[in-house]
PDB file of N, CA and C in Angstrom:
ATOM      1  N   MET A   1      83.402  99.625  99.220  1.00  0.00           N
ATOM      2  CA  MET A   1      82.924  98.881  98.081  1.00  0.00           C
ATOM      3  C   MET A   1      84.000  97.853  97.720  1.00  0.00           C
ATOM      4  N   THR A   2      83.572  96.648  97.449  1.00  0.00           N
ATOM      5  CA  THR A   2      84.523  95.595  97.122  1.00  0.00           C
ATOM      6  C   THR A   2      84.977  95.691  95.664  1.00  0.00           C
ATOM      7  N   MET A   3      86.102  95.071  95.373  1.00  0.00           N
ATOM      8  CA  MET A   3      86.594  95.049  93.986  1.00  0.00           C
ATOM      9  C   MET A   3      85.586  94.359  93.074  1.00  0.00           C
ATOM     10  N   GLN A   4      84.933  93.342  93.569  1.00  0.00           N
ATOM     11  CA  GLN A   4      83.934  92.638  92.778  1.00  0.00           C
ATOM     12  C   GLN A   4      82.800  93.587  92.384  1.00  0.00           C
ATOM     13  N   GLU A   5      82.358  94.405  93.311  1.00  0.00           N
ATOM     14  CA  GLU A   5      81.293  95.367  93.027  1.00  0.00           C
ATOM     15  C   GLU A   5      81.761  96.420  92.028  1.00  0.00           C
ATOM     16  N   ILE A   6      82.990  96.887  92.197  1.00  0.00           N
ATOM     17  CA  ILE A   6      83.544  97.894  91.283  1.00  0.00           C
ATOM     18  C   ILE A   6      83.675  97.320  89.879  1.00  0.00           C
ATOM     19  N   LYS A   7      84.169  96.090  89.780  1.00  0.00           N
ATOM     20  CA  LYS A   7      84.313  95.453  88.465  1.00  0.00           C
ATOM     21  C   LYS A   7      82.948  95.214  87.810  1.00  0.00           C
ATOM     22  N   LYS A   8      81.939  94.950  88.613  1.00  0.00           N
ATOM     23  CA  LYS A   8      80.583  94.768  88.084  1.00  0.00           C
ATOM     24  C   LYS A   8      80.079  96.070  87.459  1.00  0.00           C
ATOM     25  N   ILE A   9      80.330  97.195  88.134  1.00  0.00           N
ATOM     26  CA  ILE A   9      79.949  98.505  87.588  1.00  0.00           C
ATOM     27  C   ILE A   9      80.716  98.770  86.295  1.00  0.00           C
ATOM     28  N   ALA A  10      82.013  98.468  86.309  1.00  0.00           N
ATOM     29  CA  ALA A  10      82.839  98.670  85.113  1.00  0.00           C
ATOM     30  C   ALA A  10      82.316  97.827  83.951  1.00  0.00           C
ATOM     31  N   LYS A  11      82.024  96.576  84.224  1.00  0.00           N
ATOM     32  CA  LYS A  11      81.533  95.676  83.181  1.00  0.00           C
ATOM     33  C   LYS A  11      80.222  96.189  82.584  1.00  0.00           C
ATOM     34  N   ALA A  12      79.351  96.733  83.420  1.00  0.00           N
ATOM     35  CA  ALA A  12      78.082  97.273  82.945  1.00  0.00           C
ATOM     36  C   ALA A  12      78.294  98.449  81.998  1.00  0.00           C
ATOM     37  N   LYS A  13      79.447  99.101  82.112  1.00  0.00           N
ATOM     38  CA  LYS A  13      79.782 100.225  81.237  1.00  0.00           C
ATOM     39  C   LYS A  13      80.654  99.789  80.068  1.00  0.00           C
ATOM     40  N   GLY A  14      80.858  98.470  79.922  1.00  0.00           N
ATOM     41  CA  GLY A  14      81.633  97.944  78.815  1.00  0.00           C
ATOM     42  C   GLY A  14      83.134  97.935  79.057  1.00  0.00           C
ATOM     43  N   LEU A  15      83.541  98.093  80.311  1.00  0.00           N
ATOM     44  CA  LEU A  15      84.957  98.107  80.662  1.00  0.00           C
ATOM     45  C   LEU A  15      85.316  96.782  81.331  1.00  0.00           C
ATOM     46  N   ILE A  16      86.351  96.129  80.840  1.00  0.00           N
ATOM     47  CA  ILE A  16      86.778  94.849  81.392  1.00  0.00           C
ATOM     48  C   ILE A  16      88.208  94.981  81.908  1.00  0.00           C
ATOM     49  N   PHE A  17      88.445  94.532  83.128  1.00  0.00           N
ATOM     50  CA  PHE A  17      89.766  94.593  83.743  1.00  0.00           C
ATOM     51  C   PHE A  17      90.103  93.240  84.349  1.00  0.00           C
ATOM     52  N   HIS A  18      91.376  92.882  84.278  1.00  0.00           N
ATOM     53  CA  HIS A  18      91.808  91.624  84.877  1.00  0.00           C
ATOM     54  C   HIS A  18      92.787  91.859  86.021  1.00  0.00           C
ATOM     55  N   ASN A  19      93.800  92.675  85.807  1.00  0.00           N
ATOM     56  CA  ASN A  19      94.823  92.877  86.829  1.00  0.00           C
ATOM     57  C   ASN A  19      94.975  94.345  87.226  1.00  0.00           C
ATOM     58  N   ALA A  20      93.955  95.130  87.048  1.00  0.00           N
ATOM     59  CA  ALA A  20      94.029  96.554  87.368  1.00  0.00           C
ATOM     60  C   ALA A  20      93.668  96.781  88.833  1.00  0.00           C
ATOM     61  N   GLY A  21      94.216  97.839  89.394  1.00  0.00           N
ATOM     62  CA  GLY A  21      93.909  98.206  90.767  1.00  0.00           C
ATOM     63  C   GLY A  21      92.622  99.009  90.863  1.00  0.00           C
ATOM     64  N   LYS A  22      92.204  99.210  92.088  1.00  0.00           N
ATOM     65  CA  LYS A  22      90.958  99.915  92.382  1.00  0.00           C
ATOM     66  C   LYS A  22      90.928 101.315  91.772  1.00  0.00           C
ATOM     67  N   THR A  23      91.995 102.084  91.962  1.00  0.00           N
ATOM     68  CA  THR A  23      91.994 103.458  91.458  1.00  0.00           C
ATOM     69  C   THR A  23      91.929 103.497  89.940  1.00  0.00           C
ATOM     70  N   THR A  24      92.631 102.610  89.278  1.00  0.00           N
ATOM     71  CA  THR A  24      92.616 102.556  87.810  1.00  0.00           C
ATOM     72  C   THR A  24      91.220 102.268  87.291  1.00  0.00           C
ATOM     73  N   ILE A  25      90.568 101.311  87.904  1.00  0.00           N
ATOM     74  CA  ILE A  25      89.222 100.931  87.455  1.00  0.00           C
ATOM     75  C   ILE A  25      88.236 102.069  87.698  1.00  0.00           C
ATOM     76  N   ILE A  26      88.276 102.655  88.875  1.00  0.00           N
ATOM     77  CA  ILE A  26      87.332 103.731  89.191  1.00  0.00           C
ATOM     78  C   ILE A  26      87.566 104.936  88.285  1.00  0.00           C
ATOM     79  N   ARG A  27      88.816 105.288  88.043  1.00  0.00           N
ATOM     80  CA  ARG A  27      89.101 106.417  87.141  1.00  0.00           C
ATOM     81  C   ARG A  27      88.597 106.127  85.736  1.00  0.00           C
ATOM     82  N   SER A  28      88.702 104.892  85.294  1.00  0.00           N
ATOM     83  CA  SER A  28      88.180 104.521  83.972  1.00  0.00           C
ATOM     84  C   SER A  28      86.669 104.644  83.931  1.00  0.00           C
ATOM     85  N   ILE A  29      86.020 104.240  85.006  1.00  0.00           N
ATOM     86  CA  ILE A  29      84.561 104.388  85.095  1.00  0.00           C
ATOM     87  C   ILE A  29      84.196 105.869  85.057  1.00  0.00           C
ATOM     88  N   GLN A  30      84.932 106.685  85.796  1.00  0.00           N
ATOM     89  CA  GLN A  30      84.660 108.126  85.797  1.00  0.00           C
ATOM     90  C   GLN A  30      84.764 108.686  84.371  1.00  0.00           C
ATOM     91  N   ARG A  31      85.806 108.312  83.640  1.00  0.00           N
ATOM     92  CA  ARG A  31      85.965 108.797  82.254  1.00  0.00           C
ATOM     93  C   ARG A  31      84.808 108.317  81.385  1.00  0.00           C
ATOM     94  N   ALA A  32      84.401 107.056  81.560  1.00  0.00           N
ATOM     95  CA  ALA A  32      83.290 106.514  80.780  1.00  0.00           C
ATOM     96  C   ALA A  32      81.983 107.251  81.070  1.00  0.00           C
ATOM     97  N   GLU A  33      81.864 107.797  82.272  1.00  0.00           N
ATOM     98  CA  GLU A  33      80.669 108.549  82.655  1.00  0.00           C
ATOM     99  C   GLU A  33      80.762 110.020  82.258  1.00  0.00           C
ATOM    100  N   GLY A  34      81.886 110.417  81.684  1.00  0.00           N
ATOM    101  CA  GLY A  34      82.059 111.802  81.275  1.00  0.00           C
ATOM    102  C   GLY A  34      82.472 112.721  82.415  1.00  0.00           C
ATOM    103  N   LEU A  35      82.963 112.137  83.504  1.00  0.00           N
ATOM    104  CA  LEU A  35      83.406 112.911  84.663  1.00  0.00           C
ATOM    105  C   LEU A  35      84.928 113.051  84.641  1.00  0.00           C
ATOM    106  N   ASN A  36      85.441 113.919  85.490  1.00  0.00           N
ATOM    107  CA  ASN A  36      86.886 114.018  85.666  1.00  0.00           C
ATOM    108  C   ASN A  36      87.370 112.743  86.339  1.00  0.00           C
ATOM    109  N   ASP A  37      88.492 112.230  85.891  1.00  0.00           N
ATOM    110  CA  ASP A  37      89.040 111.006  86.478  1.00  0.00           C
ATOM    111  C   ASP A  37      89.961 111.361  87.647  1.00  0.00           C
ATOM    112  N   CYS A  38      89.339 111.820  88.716  1.00  0.00           N
ATOM    113  CA  CYS A  38      90.088 112.402  89.835  1.00  0.00           C
ATOM    114  C   CYS A  38      90.103 111.527  91.084  1.00  0.00           C
ATOM    115  N   PHE A  39      89.610 110.316  91.002  1.00  0.00           N
ATOM    116  CA  PHE A  39      89.529 109.463  92.186  1.00  0.00           C
ATOM    117  C   PHE A  39      90.894 109.333  92.862  1.00  0.00           C
ATOM    118  N   ALA A  40      90.951 109.703  94.132  1.00  0.00           N
ATOM    119  CA  ALA A  40      92.153 109.582  94.975  1.00  0.00           C
ATOM    120  C   ALA A  40      93.355 110.340  94.409  1.00  0.00           C
ATOM    121  N   THR A  41      93.098 111.496  93.810  1.00  0.00           N
ATOM    122  CA  THR A  41      94.177 112.356  93.328  1.00  0.00           C
ATOM    123  C   THR A  41      94.116 113.679  94.073  1.00  0.00           C
ATOM    124  N   SER A  42      95.073 114.529  93.788  1.00  0.00           N
ATOM    125  CA  SER A  42      95.074 115.858  94.425  1.00  0.00           C
ATOM    126  C   SER A  42      93.888 116.698  93.949  1.00  0.00           C
ATOM    127  N   ARG A  43      93.261 116.303  92.842  1.00  0.00           N
ATOM    128  CA  ARG A  43      92.091 117.027  92.327  1.00  0.00           C
ATOM    129  C   ARG A  43      90.794 116.584  92.969  1.00  0.00           C
ATOM    130  N   ALA A  44      90.838 115.608  93.853  1.00  0.00           N
ATOM    131  CA  ALA A  44      89.622 115.034  94.429  1.00  0.00           C
ATOM    132  C   ALA A  44      88.784 116.056  95.190  1.00  0.00           C
ATOM    133  N   LYS A  45      89.414 117.027  95.814  1.00  0.00           N
ATOM    134  CA  LYS A  45      88.663 118.029  96.577  1.00  0.00           C
ATOM    135  C   LYS A  45      87.869 118.962  95.675  1.00  0.00           C
ATOM    136  N   GLU A  46      88.146 118.926  94.378  1.00  0.00           N
ATOM    137  CA  GLU A  46      87.425 119.740  93.408  1.00  0.00           C
ATOM    138  C   GLU A  46      86.374 118.907  92.684  1.00  0.00           C
ATOM    139  N   CYS A  47      86.013 117.784  93.256  1.00  0.00           N
ATOM    140  CA  CYS A  47      85.129 116.858  92.544  1.00  0.00           C
ATOM    141  C   CYS A  47      83.734 117.432  92.324  1.00  0.00           C
ATOM    142  N   GLU A  48      83.054 116.804  91.428  1.00  0.00           N
ATOM    143  CA  GLU A  48      81.708 117.227  91.068  1.00  0.00           C
ATOM    144  C   GLU A  48      80.718 116.748  92.123  1.00  0.00           C
ATOM    145  N   GLU A  49      79.725 117.536  92.393  1.00  0.00           N
ATOM    146  CA  GLU A  49      78.733 117.228  93.420  1.00  0.00           C
ATOM    147  C   GLU A  49      78.052 115.880  93.197  1.00  0.00           C
ATOM    148  N   ASN A  50      77.801 115.546  91.944  1.00  0.00           N
ATOM    149  CA  ASN A  50      77.048 114.330  91.648  1.00  0.00           C
ATOM    150  C   ASN A  50      77.927 113.101  91.463  1.00  0.00           C
ATOM    151  N   CYS A  51      79.168 113.176  91.893  1.00  0.00           N
ATOM    152  CA  CYS A  51      80.074 112.047  91.707  1.00  0.00           C
ATOM    153  C   CYS A  51      79.689 110.899  92.642  1.00  0.00           C
ATOM    154  N   PHE A  52      79.446 109.760  92.058  1.00  0.00           N
ATOM    155  CA  PHE A  52      79.073 108.551  92.786  1.00  0.00           C
ATOM    156  C   PHE A  52      80.201 108.096  93.714  1.00  0.00           C
ATOM    157  N   TRP A  53      81.439 108.411  93.368  1.00  0.00           N
ATOM    158  CA  TRP A  53      82.614 107.900  94.061  1.00  0.00           C
ATOM    159  C   TRP A  53      83.111 108.804  95.188  1.00  0.00           C
ATOM    160  N   LYS A  54      82.455 109.907  95.436  1.00  0.00           N
ATOM    161  CA  LYS A  54      82.951 110.912  96.392  1.00  0.00           C
ATOM    162  C   LYS A  54      83.229 110.318  97.771  1.00  0.00           C
ATOM    163  N   LYS A  55      82.289 109.636  98.359  1.00  0.00           N
ATOM    164  CA  LYS A  55      82.458 109.075  99.697  1.00  0.00           C
ATOM    165  C   LYS A  55      83.605 108.061  99.705  1.00  0.00           C
ATOM    166  N   GLU A  56      83.613 107.188  98.745  1.00  0.00           N
ATOM    167  CA  GLU A  56      84.666 106.173  98.622  1.00  0.00           C
ATOM    168  C   GLU A  56      86.034 106.836  98.431  1.00  0.00           C
ATOM    169  N   CYS A  57      86.077 107.873  97.640  1.00  0.00           N
ATOM    170  CA  CYS A  57      87.306 108.592  97.344  1.00  0.00           C
ATOM    171  C   CYS A  57      87.906 109.210  98.601  1.00  0.00           C
ATOM    172  N   PHE A  58      87.099 109.945  99.339  1.00  0.00           N
ATOM    173  CA  PHE A  58      87.601 110.602 100.537  1.00  0.00           C
ATOM    174  C   PHE A  58      88.047 109.595 101.586  1.00  0.00           C
ATOM    175  N   ALA A  59      87.341 108.473 101.692  1.00  0.00           N
ATOM    176  CA  ALA A  59      87.745 107.414 102.618  1.00  0.00           C
ATOM    177  C   ALA A  59      89.085 106.809 102.178  1.00  0.00           C
ATOM    178  N   TYR A  60      89.246 106.621 100.885  1.00  0.00           N
ATOM    179  CA  TYR A  60      90.482 106.055 100.327  1.00  0.00           C
ATOM    180  C   TYR A  60      91.654 106.983 100.578  1.00  0.00           C
ATOM    181  N   ILE A  61      91.442 108.262 100.416  1.00  0.00           N
ATOM    182  CA  ILE A  61      92.500 109.261 100.646  1.00  0.00           C
ATOM    183  C   ILE A  61      92.902 109.251 102.115  1.00  0.00           C
ATOM    184  N   GLN A  62      91.955 109.165 103.030  1.00  0.00           N
ATOM    185  CA  GLN A  62      92.260 109.166 104.451  1.00  0.00           C
ATOM    186  C   GLN A  62      93.040 107.930 104.874  1.00  0.00           C
ATOM    187  N   GLU A  63      92.773 106.796 104.214  1.00  0.00           N
ATOM    188  CA  GLU A  63      93.481 105.547 104.517  1.00  0.00           C
ATOM    189  C   GLU A  63      94.940 105.636 104.094  1.00  0.00           C
ATOM    190  N   GLY A  64      95.172 106.298 102.939  1.00  0.00           N
ATOM    191  CA  GLY A  64      96.506 106.360 102.329  1.00  0.00           C
ATOM    192  C   GLY A  64      97.376 107.283 103.019  1.00  0.00           C
TER     193      GLY A  64
END
């Protein structure tokens, strides 16, 4: 997912970012959705089944 797409999702939830990184924005979206803000953290393997970011998260972890 591109940063532009992520920022579009954030904006739809009322979150505006200018110089934030991908993980910061996604974690903020997770908090706004009432989910654990675990994107690309050691808690990611305990993520919720319905997390929209799961596939992106695991790919991000493997890259890092």
